[in-house]
Every structure is written in structure tokens, then in C-alpha cells.
Amino acid sequence: MLFTHLAEYKLRGEFSSPHTTVTFHQELAEPKGLVLGQGTVVEGQGVGVDEAKWLLMCLQKFYGLQAEERVERKKLLEQFSRGDGGFKVEELLEEAEKIV
């Protein structure tokens, strides 16, 4: 998973430089119900380790809710991924504020 600044993404799209990279290791998912994550924060990109940890915890909370709570979030993320003109970052922020 790559985290990048919104301004960087708006400028360079899929070619934007990440400030944080997280690799998920799923080898233990089936036998133990665990997925381990290994993260790297790029120095000089304006994000420190503590901020990167906070982003990752928010990500876990964002996706870790009950199925009925994820429906709206899934719709928003699909709109964003498709480049749908109906996507509104304000709606995504409203959903994100519910978890913090």
C-alpha cells in the first residue's frame, strides 16, 4: 500500500511519489488469522513515523467496521478508483471523520 500527499496525487496521479509504503504479509492469515504489515517512511517527504502509524491505524479502522457500515465507504472508494465525476472528497472526509 502506498500513501502519498493529496497534492502530489493531484499533480502526478498514478505516478505520484509515496511518503509511506506498507507491505502486508498474508502468510499467517489462514492458519492464525493474522496479517503482518511492514512499513517504510521516506525521509524528507513531510511525514514522520508517528504520522504514518496514525494513518495506518485510521486505515484499519476505516476498513474494519461491520459490513453495513462499509457500504458507503466502498462506494466512495470505487468512485475514486474509476475517476467518477460523482466522487466528492468531502463525503470521503465525512466518512473518515467518523472513525477518528
N, C-alpha and C. Protein backbone atom coordinates (compact mmCIF):
# COMPACT_ATOMS: atom_id res chain seq x y z
N MET A 1 0.85 -1.15 0.00
CA MET A 1 0.00 0.00 0.00
C MET A 1 0.90 1.22 0.00
N LEU A 2 0.52 2.20 -0.80
CA LEU A 2 1.29 3.43 -0.90
C LEU A 2 0.46 4.59 -0.38
N PHE A 3 1.06 5.41 0.44
CA PHE A 3 0.43 6.65 0.90
C PHE A 3 1.18 7.81 0.26
N THR A 4 0.43 8.74 -0.30
CA THR A 4 1.02 9.93 -0.90
C THR A 4 0.19 11.14 -0.48
N HIS A 5 0.77 12.31 -0.59
CA HIS A 5 0.03 13.54 -0.28
C HIS A 5 -1.01 13.78 -1.37
N LEU A 6 -2.16 14.32 -0.99
CA LEU A 6 -3.22 14.59 -1.95
C LEU A 6 -2.73 15.53 -3.06
N ALA A 7 -1.98 16.56 -2.69
CA ALA A 7 -1.48 17.50 -3.70
C ALA A 7 -0.56 16.79 -4.70
N GLU A 8 0.25 15.88 -4.21
CA GLU A 8 1.14 15.09 -5.08
C GLU A 8 0.32 14.22 -6.03
N TYR A 9 -0.74 13.60 -5.49
CA TYR A 9 -1.59 12.75 -6.33
C TYR A 9 -2.32 13.58 -7.39
N LYS A 10 -2.80 14.75 -7.00
CA LYS A 10 -3.49 15.60 -7.97
C LYS A 10 -2.55 16.04 -9.08
N LEU A 11 -1.29 16.25 -8.74
CA LEU A 11 -0.31 16.72 -9.71
C LEU A 11 0.18 15.60 -10.63
N ARG A 12 0.47 14.42 -10.05
CA ARG A 12 1.11 13.36 -10.82
C ARG A 12 0.27 12.09 -10.99
N GLY A 13 -0.89 12.04 -10.35
CA GLY A 13 -1.76 10.88 -10.49
C GLY A 13 -1.07 9.60 -10.07
N GLU A 14 -1.19 8.56 -10.88
CA GLU A 14 -0.64 7.26 -10.53
C GLU A 14 0.89 7.25 -10.47
N PHE A 15 1.52 8.32 -10.91
CA PHE A 15 2.98 8.42 -10.87
C PHE A 15 3.47 9.22 -9.67
N SER A 16 2.59 9.53 -8.74
CA SER A 16 2.98 10.31 -7.56
C SER A 16 3.91 9.52 -6.66
N SER A 17 4.77 10.25 -5.96
CA SER A 17 5.74 9.62 -5.06
C SER A 17 5.11 9.38 -3.70
N PRO A 18 5.24 8.17 -3.17
CA PRO A 18 4.67 7.91 -1.85
C PRO A 18 5.58 8.44 -0.74
N HIS A 19 4.95 8.82 0.38
CA HIS A 19 5.74 9.18 1.56
C HIS A 19 5.84 7.98 2.50
N THR A 20 4.92 7.02 2.34
CA THR A 20 4.92 5.82 3.18
C THR A 20 4.52 4.63 2.32
N THR A 21 5.22 3.53 2.52
CA THR A 21 4.92 2.28 1.82
C THR A 21 4.71 1.20 2.87
N VAL A 22 3.63 0.44 2.74
CA VAL A 22 3.35 -0.66 3.66
C VAL A 22 3.17 -1.93 2.85
N THR A 23 3.89 -2.97 3.25
CA THR A 23 3.77 -4.28 2.63
C THR A 23 3.06 -5.19 3.61
N PHE A 24 2.02 -5.85 3.15
CA PHE A 24 1.27 -6.77 4.01
C PHE A 24 1.69 -8.20 3.70
N HIS A 25 2.02 -8.94 4.76
CA HIS A 25 2.43 -10.34 4.64
C HIS A 25 1.28 -11.21 5.10
N GLN A 26 0.71 -11.96 4.18
CA GLN A 26 -0.50 -12.71 4.47
C GLN A 26 -0.27 -14.19 4.76
N GLU A 27 0.96 -14.57 4.96
CA GLU A 27 1.28 -15.98 5.19
C GLU A 27 0.56 -16.57 6.40
N LEU A 28 0.30 -15.74 7.40
CA LEU A 28 -0.36 -16.22 8.62
C LEU A 28 -1.87 -15.99 8.63
N ALA A 29 -2.40 -15.43 7.55
CA ALA A 29 -3.83 -15.11 7.51
C ALA A 29 -4.70 -16.34 7.69
N GLU A 30 -4.43 -17.37 6.96
CA GLU A 30 -5.25 -18.57 7.02
C GLU A 30 -5.06 -19.35 8.33
N PRO A 31 -3.82 -19.70 8.68
CA PRO A 31 -3.69 -20.54 9.88
C PRO A 31 -3.89 -19.81 11.20
N LYS A 32 -3.57 -18.51 11.26
CA LYS A 32 -3.61 -17.80 12.55
C LYS A 32 -4.57 -16.62 12.57
N GLY A 33 -5.11 -16.22 11.42
CA GLY A 33 -6.00 -15.06 11.38
C GLY A 33 -5.25 -13.75 11.56
N LEU A 34 -3.98 -13.72 11.17
CA LEU A 34 -3.14 -12.53 11.31
C LEU A 34 -2.59 -12.10 9.96
N VAL A 35 -2.51 -10.81 9.75
CA VAL A 35 -1.80 -10.26 8.60
C VAL A 35 -0.80 -9.26 9.17
N LEU A 36 0.45 -9.50 8.89
CA LEU A 36 1.51 -8.62 9.38
C LEU A 36 1.79 -7.53 8.35
N GLY A 37 2.12 -6.33 8.85
CA GLY A 37 2.46 -5.22 7.97
C GLY A 37 3.84 -4.71 8.26
N GLN A 38 4.57 -4.36 7.21
CA GLN A 38 5.91 -3.81 7.33
C GLN A 38 5.93 -2.49 6.60
N GLY A 39 6.23 -1.40 7.31
CA GLY A 39 6.16 -0.09 6.72
C GLY A 39 7.50 0.61 6.59
N THR A 40 7.57 1.49 5.61
CA THR A 40 8.75 2.33 5.38
C THR A 40 8.27 3.75 5.15
N VAL A 41 8.88 4.69 5.85
CA VAL A 41 8.57 6.11 5.68
C VAL A 41 9.75 6.76 4.97
N VAL A 42 9.49 7.47 3.88
CA VAL A 42 10.54 8.13 3.11
C VAL A 42 10.89 9.45 3.78
N GLU A 43 12.15 9.61 4.11
CA GLU A 43 12.60 10.86 4.74
C GLU A 43 12.47 12.03 3.77
N GLY A 44 12.16 13.19 4.33
CA GLY A 44 12.08 14.40 3.53
C GLY A 44 10.78 14.58 2.78
N GLN A 45 9.79 13.74 3.06
CA GLN A 45 8.50 13.85 2.37
C GLN A 45 7.44 14.51 3.26
N GLY A 46 7.84 14.99 4.44
CA GLY A 46 6.91 15.73 5.29
C GLY A 46 6.07 14.88 6.22
N VAL A 47 6.35 13.59 6.30
CA VAL A 47 5.60 12.69 7.18
C VAL A 47 6.61 11.89 8.01
N GLY A 48 6.38 11.87 9.32
CA GLY A 48 7.24 11.10 10.20
C GLY A 48 6.63 9.75 10.52
N VAL A 49 7.36 8.97 11.27
CA VAL A 49 6.91 7.63 11.63
C VAL A 49 5.60 7.68 12.42
N ASP A 50 5.48 8.62 13.36
CA ASP A 50 4.26 8.70 14.16
C ASP A 50 3.03 9.02 13.30
N GLU A 51 3.19 9.93 12.35
CA GLU A 51 2.07 10.24 11.44
C GLU A 51 1.72 9.04 10.56
N ALA A 52 2.74 8.33 10.11
CA ALA A 52 2.50 7.14 9.28
C ALA A 52 1.77 6.06 10.08
N LYS A 53 2.14 5.88 11.34
CA LYS A 53 1.44 4.92 12.20
C LYS A 53 -0.02 5.32 12.35
N TRP A 54 -0.25 6.62 12.55
CA TRP A 54 -1.62 7.11 12.71
C TRP A 54 -2.44 6.84 11.44
N LEU A 55 -1.85 7.09 10.28
CA LEU A 55 -2.54 6.82 9.01
C LEU A 55 -2.91 5.35 8.89
N LEU A 56 -1.98 4.48 9.27
CA LEU A 56 -2.23 3.05 9.18
C LEU A 56 -3.33 2.62 10.15
N MET A 57 -3.33 3.19 11.35
CA MET A 57 -4.41 2.87 12.30
C MET A 57 -5.76 3.34 11.78
N CYS A 58 -5.79 4.52 11.16
CA CYS A 58 -7.03 5.01 10.56
C CYS A 58 -7.49 4.09 9.44
N LEU A 59 -6.56 3.62 8.65
CA LEU A 59 -6.89 2.69 7.57
C LEU A 59 -7.53 1.42 8.14
N GLN A 60 -6.95 0.89 9.21
CA GLN A 60 -7.50 -0.30 9.84
C GLN A 60 -8.91 -0.05 10.35
N LYS A 61 -9.14 1.10 10.96
CA LYS A 61 -10.47 1.44 11.46
C LYS A 61 -11.45 1.65 10.31
N PHE A 62 -10.97 2.28 9.24
CA PHE A 62 -11.83 2.58 8.09
C PHE A 62 -12.38 1.31 7.47
N TYR A 63 -11.53 0.29 7.33
CA TYR A 63 -11.95 -0.96 6.70
C TYR A 63 -12.43 -2.01 7.68
N GLY A 64 -12.22 -1.80 8.98
CA GLY A 64 -12.51 -2.83 9.96
C GLY A 64 -13.90 -2.80 10.55
N LEU A 65 -14.79 -1.97 10.05
CA LEU A 65 -16.13 -1.88 10.61
C LEU A 65 -17.05 -2.97 10.07
N GLN A 66 -18.23 -3.03 10.62
CA GLN A 66 -19.23 -4.01 10.18
C GLN A 66 -19.58 -3.78 8.71
N ALA A 67 -20.02 -4.82 8.07
CA ALA A 67 -20.29 -4.78 6.62
C ALA A 67 -21.23 -3.65 6.23
N GLU A 68 -22.30 -3.46 7.00
CA GLU A 68 -23.27 -2.41 6.63
C GLU A 68 -22.67 -1.02 6.74
N GLU A 69 -21.66 -0.85 7.60
CA GLU A 69 -21.01 0.46 7.73
C GLU A 69 -20.01 0.70 6.61
N ARG A 70 -19.58 -0.36 5.94
CA ARG A 70 -18.59 -0.23 4.87
C ARG A 70 -19.22 0.06 3.52
N VAL A 71 -20.50 -0.10 3.36
CA VAL A 71 -21.15 0.05 2.05
C VAL A 71 -20.89 1.42 1.45
N GLU A 72 -21.13 2.47 2.20
CA GLU A 72 -20.92 3.84 1.70
C GLU A 72 -19.45 4.08 1.41
N ARG A 73 -18.59 3.60 2.26
CA ARG A 73 -17.16 3.79 2.06
C ARG A 73 -16.68 3.07 0.81
N LYS A 74 -17.18 1.87 0.61
CA LYS A 74 -16.79 1.10 -0.58
C LYS A 74 -17.24 1.83 -1.84
N LYS A 75 -18.44 2.38 -1.82
CA LYS A 75 -18.94 3.12 -2.98
C LYS A 75 -18.04 4.32 -3.28
N LEU A 76 -17.66 5.06 -2.24
CA LEU A 76 -16.80 6.22 -2.43
C LEU A 76 -15.44 5.82 -2.99
N LEU A 77 -14.86 4.75 -2.48
CA LEU A 77 -13.55 4.32 -2.95
C LEU A 77 -13.62 3.80 -4.38
N GLU A 78 -14.71 3.14 -4.74
CA GLU A 78 -14.87 2.69 -6.12
C GLU A 78 -15.01 3.88 -7.06
N GLN A 79 -15.76 4.91 -6.64
CA GLN A 79 -15.89 6.11 -7.46
C GLN A 79 -14.52 6.76 -7.67
N PHE A 80 -13.75 6.87 -6.60
CA PHE A 80 -12.42 7.47 -6.69
C PHE A 80 -11.54 6.66 -7.64
N SER A 81 -11.55 5.35 -7.51
CA SER A 81 -10.71 4.48 -8.33
C SER A 81 -11.05 4.57 -9.81
N ARG A 82 -12.34 4.73 -10.12
CA ARG A 82 -12.78 4.83 -11.51
C ARG A 82 -12.60 6.22 -12.09
N GLY A 83 -12.33 7.20 -11.24
CA GLY A 83 -12.26 8.58 -11.71
C GLY A 83 -13.65 9.14 -11.97
N ASP A 84 -14.64 8.60 -11.29
CA ASP A 84 -16.04 9.00 -11.43
C ASP A 84 -16.21 10.47 -11.05
N GLY A 85 -16.86 11.23 -11.91
CA GLY A 85 -17.11 12.64 -11.65
C GLY A 85 -18.02 12.88 -10.46
N GLY A 86 -18.75 11.86 -10.03
CA GLY A 86 -19.63 11.98 -8.88
C GLY A 86 -18.92 11.87 -7.54
N PHE A 87 -17.62 11.50 -7.58
CA PHE A 87 -16.86 11.38 -6.34
C PHE A 87 -16.67 12.75 -5.71
N LYS A 88 -16.94 12.82 -4.41
CA LYS A 88 -16.74 14.06 -3.67
C LYS A 88 -15.84 13.77 -2.48
N VAL A 89 -14.68 14.43 -2.49
CA VAL A 89 -13.72 14.20 -1.40
C VAL A 89 -14.32 14.58 -0.06
N GLU A 90 -15.26 15.53 -0.05
CA GLU A 90 -15.91 15.93 1.19
C GLU A 90 -16.67 14.77 1.82
N GLU A 91 -17.33 13.96 1.00
CA GLU A 91 -18.06 12.80 1.51
C GLU A 91 -17.10 11.77 2.10
N LEU A 92 -15.96 11.58 1.43
CA LEU A 92 -14.95 10.66 1.96
C LEU A 92 -14.42 11.16 3.29
N LEU A 93 -14.19 12.46 3.39
CA LEU A 93 -13.71 13.05 4.64
C LEU A 93 -14.74 12.90 5.75
N GLU A 94 -16.01 13.06 5.42
CA GLU A 94 -17.07 12.85 6.42
C GLU A 94 -17.04 11.43 6.96
N GLU A 95 -16.88 10.46 6.07
CA GLU A 95 -16.78 9.06 6.50
C GLU A 95 -15.54 8.84 7.35
N ALA A 96 -14.44 9.43 6.94
CA ALA A 96 -13.18 9.26 7.68
C ALA A 96 -13.28 9.89 9.06
N GLU A 97 -13.97 11.01 9.19
CA GLU A 97 -14.10 11.67 10.49
C GLU A 97 -14.90 10.84 11.49
N LYS A 98 -15.71 9.94 11.00
CA LYS A 98 -16.49 9.08 11.89
C LYS A 98 -15.62 8.08 12.65
N ILE A 99 -14.43 7.81 12.12
CA ILE A 99 -13.59 6.78 12.73
C ILE A 99 -12.52 7.36 13.66
N VAL A 100 -12.22 8.62 13.55
CA VAL A 100 -11.11 9.20 14.32
C VAL A 100 -11.48 9.47 15.75
